[in-house]
Protein backbone atom coordinates (compact mmCIF):
# COMPACT_ATOMS: atom_id res chain seq x y z
CA MET A 1 0.30 0.12 -0.06
CA LYS A 2 2.10 3.25 -1.18
CA GLY A 3 1.93 5.67 1.67
CA GLY A 4 1.41 3.23 4.19
CA PRO A 5 -2.13 2.25 5.41
CA SER A 6 -5.34 4.55 4.83
CA SER A 7 -7.16 6.60 8.00
CA ALA A 8 -10.26 4.36 7.06
CA PHE A 9 -7.70 1.27 7.32
CA LYS A 10 -6.24 2.60 10.30
CA ALA A 11 -9.98 3.33 12.27
CA ALA A 12 -10.84 0.03 11.31
CA ALA A 13 -8.37 -1.87 13.41
CA VAL A 14 -8.47 0.51 16.66
CA VAL A 15 -11.89 -0.70 16.20
CA ILE A 16 -10.97 -4.15 15.34
CA LEU A 17 -8.52 -4.25 18.12
CA GLY A 18 -10.07 -2.77 20.64
CA LEU A 19 -12.81 -5.21 20.53
CA LEU A 20 -10.38 -7.87 20.86
CA GLY A 21 -8.94 -6.44 24.00
CA ALA A 22 -12.31 -5.72 25.69
CA TYR A 23 -13.11 -9.44 25.13
CA ALA A 24 -9.55 -10.30 26.65
CA LEU A 25 -10.80 -8.69 29.31
CA GLU A 26 -13.95 -10.35 29.58
CA ALA A 27 -11.78 -13.76 29.75
CA ASP A 28 -9.72 -12.80 32.12
CA SER A 29 -12.60 -10.93 34.60
CA GLY A 30 -15.14 -13.88 33.99
CA LEU A 31 -17.38 -10.88 33.40
CA ASP A 32 -18.98 -9.80 30.43
CA ARG A 33 -18.69 -5.00 29.19
CA TYR A 34 -22.02 -5.03 31.73
CA GLY A 35 -20.74 -6.72 34.09
CA ARG A 36 -22.64 -10.26 33.97
CA LEU A 37 -20.94 -13.39 34.53
CA ALA A 38 -19.23 -14.40 30.68
CA SER A 39 -17.80 -17.45 32.39
CA PHE A 40 -17.41 -19.64 35.63
CA PRO A 41 -15.69 -23.29 36.45
CA ARG A 42 -17.42 -26.56 35.67
CA LYS A 43 -19.68 -24.66 32.84
CA LYS A 44 -20.10 -27.06 30.42
CA GLU A 45 -21.32 -26.35 27.04
CA VAL A 46 -23.81 -29.09 25.96
CA ARG A 47 -25.97 -28.93 22.30
CA CYS A 48 -28.57 -26.29 21.87
CA PRO A 49 -31.71 -28.44 21.57
CA ALA A 50 -33.95 -27.91 18.43
CA GLN A 51 -37.24 -25.24 19.59
CA ASP A 52 -41.00 -27.28 18.81
CA ALA A 53 -44.34 -26.42 20.02
CA ARG A 54 -43.20 -27.95 23.44
CA THR A 55 -39.95 -26.27 24.18
CA ALA A 56 -40.45 -22.97 26.27
CA VAL A 57 -37.61 -19.98 26.16
CA ILE A 58 -37.72 -17.80 28.38
CA LEU A 59 -36.16 -14.13 28.12
CA ALA A 60 -35.23 -13.11 32.12
CA MET A 61 -34.42 -9.77 32.55
CA GLY A 62 -33.62 -7.17 35.19
CA GLN A 63 -31.73 -6.12 38.36
CA SER A 64 -29.87 -8.32 41.34
CA ASN A 65 -33.48 -10.46 42.55
CA ILE A 66 -33.58 -12.20 38.94
CA ALA A 67 -30.07 -12.25 38.49
CA ASN A 68 -26.97 -14.44 40.77
CA LYS A 69 -27.50 -13.02 44.09
CA THR A 70 -30.49 -14.97 45.86
CA GLU A 71 -29.60 -16.97 48.57
CA ALA A 72 -29.93 -20.59 47.74
CA ALA A 73 -28.05 -22.18 44.54
CA SER A 74 -29.81 -23.85 42.30
CA ARG A 75 -29.05 -27.18 39.40
CA SER A 76 -32.65 -28.68 37.88
CA ALA A 77 -33.79 -32.25 38.31
CA PHE A 78 -33.65 -31.91 34.62
CA PRO A 79 -30.27 -31.64 33.45
CA ASP A 80 -30.97 -32.50 29.79
CA ARG A 81 -34.42 -30.23 29.77
CA VAL A 82 -33.47 -27.99 31.26
CA LEU A 83 -30.58 -25.48 30.14
CA GLY A 84 -28.78 -22.11 30.21
CA PHE A 85 -28.01 -19.78 27.12
CA TYR A 86 -25.50 -16.95 26.60
CA ARG A 87 -24.37 -16.08 23.84
CA GLY A 88 -25.01 -18.78 21.35
CA ALA A 89 -24.28 -21.50 23.64
CA CYS A 90 -26.57 -23.82 25.67
CA MET A 91 -25.33 -25.17 29.55
CA GLU A 92 -27.33 -27.28 31.64
CA ALA A 93 -28.88 -24.91 34.18
CA ALA A 94 -27.20 -24.74 37.77
CA SER A 95 -26.71 -21.35 39.75
CA PRO A 96 -24.56 -18.99 38.93
CA LEU A 97 -26.37 -19.00 35.13
CA LEU A 98 -24.36 -16.89 32.42
CA GLY A 99 -25.55 -13.99 31.70
CA ALA A 100 -26.76 -12.32 34.84
CA SER A 101 -24.17 -10.26 37.28
CA GLY A 102 -23.24 -12.20 41.09
CA ARG A 103 -22.25 -15.79 41.53
CA GLY A 104 -24.84 -16.80 44.16
CA GLY A 105 -28.37 -18.26 43.42
CA GLU A 106 -30.88 -17.51 41.65
CA TRP A 107 -34.88 -19.25 40.93
CA LEU A 108 -34.70 -19.31 37.15
CA THR A 109 -33.42 -22.69 37.34
CA LEU A 110 -36.24 -23.74 39.79
CA LEU A 111 -38.85 -22.07 37.43
CA GLY A 112 -37.38 -24.22 34.26
CA ASP A 113 -38.25 -27.67 36.84
CA ALA A 114 -41.70 -26.25 37.47
CA LEU A 115 -42.70 -25.71 33.35
CA ILE A 116 -41.26 -28.78 33.43
CA ARG A 117 -43.10 -30.73 35.98
CA SER A 118 -46.44 -28.75 34.75
CA GLY A 119 -46.21 -31.18 31.90
CA ARG A 120 -46.77 -28.19 29.97
CA TYR A 121 -43.39 -28.30 28.55
CA ASP A 122 -40.46 -30.78 27.56
CA ARG A 123 -37.82 -27.82 27.74
CA VAL A 124 -36.64 -25.17 28.83
CA VAL A 125 -34.20 -22.76 27.87
CA ILE A 126 -33.28 -19.84 30.09
CA ILE A 127 -31.69 -16.56 28.70
CA PRO A 128 -30.67 -13.89 31.48
CA ALA A 129 -30.57 -10.83 30.74
CA ALA A 130 -29.83 -8.84 34.24
CA VAL A 131 -27.55 -6.84 36.35
CA GLY A 132 -27.92 -6.01 39.96
CA GLY A 133 -28.02 -2.80 41.53
CA GLN A 134 -29.77 -0.64 38.01
CA ARG A 135 -32.53 1.85 37.78
CA ILE A 136 -34.61 0.98 34.49
CA GLY A 137 -33.55 3.65 32.69
CA ARG A 138 -30.41 2.35 31.64
CA PHE A 139 -32.75 -0.71 30.16
CA ALA A 140 -34.51 1.83 28.45
CA ASP A 141 -31.63 4.34 27.18
CA GLY A 142 -28.33 3.32 28.82
CA ASN A 143 -26.23 0.51 27.65
CA LEU A 144 -27.97 -2.12 29.26
CA GLY A 145 -30.65 -1.16 26.49
CA GLY A 146 -27.53 -2.12 23.87
CA MET A 147 -26.68 -5.39 26.42
CA LEU A 148 -30.43 -6.67 25.94
CA ASP A 149 -30.34 -5.78 21.69
CA GLU A 150 -27.14 -7.84 22.35
CA THR A 151 -28.62 -10.47 24.41
CA VAL A 152 -31.72 -10.57 21.57
CA GLU A 153 -29.82 -11.09 18.89
CA PHE A 154 -27.33 -14.32 19.47
CA ALA A 155 -30.43 -15.45 21.23
CA SER A 156 -32.16 -15.15 17.51
CA MET A 157 -30.45 -16.66 15.99
CA THR A 158 -31.14 -19.88 17.49
CA TYR A 159 -34.00 -19.41 19.04
CA ARG A 160 -37.87 -17.67 18.81
CA VAL A 161 -38.23 -16.20 22.52
CA THR A 162 -41.79 -17.68 23.93
CA HIS A 163 -41.72 -15.88 27.50
CA ALA A 164 -40.47 -12.64 28.73
CA ILE A 165 -39.95 -11.54 32.28
CA TRP A 166 -39.27 -7.88 34.10
CA ARG A 167 -38.63 -8.30 37.28
CA GLN A 168 -36.86 -5.24 38.50
CA GLY A 169 -37.83 -1.84 40.82
CA GLU A 170 -35.74 -1.98 44.07
CA SER A 171 -33.65 0.54 42.95
CA ASP A 172 -36.23 3.20 41.31
CA PHE A 173 -38.40 2.94 44.58
CA SER A 174 -35.24 3.65 46.39
CA THR A 175 -34.29 6.65 44.28
CA ASN A 176 -37.32 8.26 43.86
CA THR A 177 -37.84 7.74 40.40
CA HIS A 178 -41.51 9.47 39.15
CA PRO A 179 -43.89 6.64 38.42
CA ASN A 180 -44.92 8.14 35.20
CA ASP A 181 -41.12 8.18 34.27
CA TYR A 182 -40.98 4.55 35.05
CA ARG A 183 -44.02 3.45 32.45
CA ARG A 184 -41.95 5.69 30.15
CA ALA A 185 -38.75 4.07 30.78
CA PHE A 186 -40.44 0.41 30.84
CA LEU A 187 -42.72 1.54 27.03
CA LYS A 188 -39.41 2.33 25.44
CA MET A 189 -37.66 -0.65 26.39
CA LEU A 190 -40.64 -2.73 25.68
CA ALA A 191 -40.12 -0.98 21.62
CA ARG A 192 -36.88 -1.80 21.71
CA LEU A 193 -37.71 -5.21 22.22
CA ARG A 194 -40.20 -5.31 19.97
CA ARG A 195 -37.99 -4.06 16.80
CA LYS A 196 -35.19 -6.43 17.38
CA GLY A 197 -38.24 -9.12 17.03
CA ILE A 198 -39.64 -10.28 20.53
CA GLU A 199 -43.24 -11.06 19.67
CA ALA A 200 -43.62 -12.98 23.21
CA PRO A 201 -45.31 -11.80 25.91
CA VAL A 202 -43.75 -9.83 29.10
CA PHE A 203 -44.73 -10.45 32.80
CA VAL A 204 -43.99 -7.93 35.13
CA SER A 205 -43.22 -8.81 38.72
CA VAL A 206 -44.06 -6.31 41.58
CA ALA A 207 -40.74 -6.13 42.54
CA THR A 208 -39.87 -2.61 45.14
CA TYR A 209 -39.23 -4.22 48.41
CA CYS A 210 -35.28 -3.86 49.65
CA ALA A 211 -35.30 -2.75 53.09
CA PRO A 212 -31.65 -1.41 53.19
CA MET A 213 -31.80 0.69 50.04
CA ALA A 214 -34.71 2.69 51.33
CA ALA A 215 -37.48 2.93 54.12
CA TRP A 216 -40.13 0.69 52.11
CA ARG A 217 -43.76 1.06 51.84
CA ALA A 218 -46.49 -1.08 50.21
CA ASP A 219 -48.66 0.37 47.89
CA ASN A 220 -45.97 2.73 46.63
CA PRO A 221 -45.57 4.74 43.06
CA ILE A 222 -43.12 2.68 41.98
CA GLU A 223 -45.28 -0.10 42.67
CA LYS A 224 -48.84 1.26 41.43
CA ALA A 225 -46.99 2.28 38.04
CA GLN A 226 -45.45 -1.68 37.74
CA LYS A 227 -49.03 -2.44 38.58
CA ALA A 228 -50.40 -0.87 35.82
CA LEU A 229 -47.90 -1.11 33.06
CA PRO A 230 -50.16 -4.87 32.14
CA ASP A 231 -52.11 -3.92 29.03
CA GLU A 232 -53.41 -7.12 26.27
CA LYS A 233 -53.23 -4.80 23.29
CA LEU A 234 -49.23 -4.01 24.26
CA GLY A 235 -48.62 -7.83 25.06
CA VAL A 236 -47.95 -6.96 28.34
CA TRP A 237 -48.71 -9.29 31.81
CA PRO A 238 -48.65 -9.37 35.66
CA GLY A 239 -46.32 -11.25 36.91
CA VAL A 240 -45.08 -12.66 40.11
CA ASP A 241 -46.09 -9.55 43.05
CA THR A 242 -42.77 -9.93 44.98
CA ASP A 243 -43.83 -7.60 47.55
CA ALA A 244 -46.82 -9.09 48.57
CA PHE A 245 -44.54 -11.98 50.32
CA ASP A 246 -43.77 -12.10 53.58
CA GLN A 247 -41.07 -10.54 53.39
CA ASN A 248 -39.72 -12.34 56.92
CA VAL A 249 -39.55 -15.48 55.31
CA ALA A 250 -38.72 -14.58 51.56
CA ARG A 251 -35.48 -12.20 51.72
CA PHE A 252 -32.18 -13.81 53.17
CA ASP A 253 -30.89 -10.33 54.11
CA ARG A 254 -33.48 -7.86 54.01
CA CYS A 255 -33.49 -7.40 49.91
CA HIS A 256 -32.54 -10.25 48.29
CA LEU A 257 -35.04 -13.59 47.77
CA SER A 258 -34.06 -16.46 50.23
CA ARG A 259 -34.64 -20.26 49.48
CA ARG A 260 -38.28 -19.79 50.34
CA GLY A 261 -38.85 -17.06 47.88
CA GLN A 262 -36.99 -18.34 45.55
CA GLU A 263 -39.77 -21.12 45.17
CA LEU A 264 -42.05 -18.57 46.25
CA ALA A 265 -41.10 -16.49 42.54
CA ALA A 266 -40.27 -20.15 40.81
CA ALA A 267 -43.96 -21.08 41.55
CA GLY A 268 -45.64 -17.52 41.47
CA THR A 269 -43.94 -16.97 37.93
CA ALA A 270 -44.65 -20.71 36.44
CA LYS A 271 -48.49 -19.80 37.63
CA ALA A 272 -48.38 -16.68 35.73
CA LEU A 273 -46.52 -18.06 32.29
CA GLU A 274 -49.27 -21.54 32.31
CA ALA A 275 -52.67 -18.97 32.23
CA TYR A 276 -51.00 -16.91 29.62
CA ASP A 277 -50.46 -20.06 28.06
CA LEU A 278 -54.18 -21.19 28.54
CA ARG A 279 -55.65 -18.22 27.85
CA ALA A 280 -53.85 -18.54 23.97
CA LYS A 281 -54.40 -21.90 23.07
């Protein structure tokens, strides 16, 4: 190349080297650029099963209580039928799940087992997209919107999402987000998912309780905003109400779900998904 590399070539090289550097850092840290778990010891990749009418593919979005931050580690009783999915790879579902922040327990594996036991599904694929301690605005307009885009793009290469779960709100309650702003951000995030081809119903959990973050009260503005989000025309449905749990037994640190809270969240979400499936028949 006479005169050396062009400016366009140099710019492209910088971008490529930057991406390679970012992925190298991810490999070293075990986290991706969003702070989600990208690798973990003894995680074994398995063949992703083909999707059919009896395969549930669940996109699980939100903050720490749908990530790897709950009390008890879970391992599927159906390791060949309940799988985690991250960046095009499938693994037997077991805590912690890749694609969510934290290295502790989670309840999505229990949800997968509950759906198998119901007899409605033969296989369940769980796609986490969760980062702890985040307000809804970061999912609507911030870099976590890019995380959702990336997660959906990888998923769409292999699967069609059948159900999406939104479980978030503690950070917005504690920082006094206005309920109208919460609604606007949710609708913006929902539109983002729809543009990416996610036609699945979205189940909104009621989730504002985290006592160490702020003095909590029932029927607070964010809780009311969440309860007002379901809209059949928009494909938004009520999910599990974790604010209604007996928090003395449902939390192990006055914020994150205890073993019993995980069981309640999984059972309540399974009930919501199954009710929708029966209605949609």
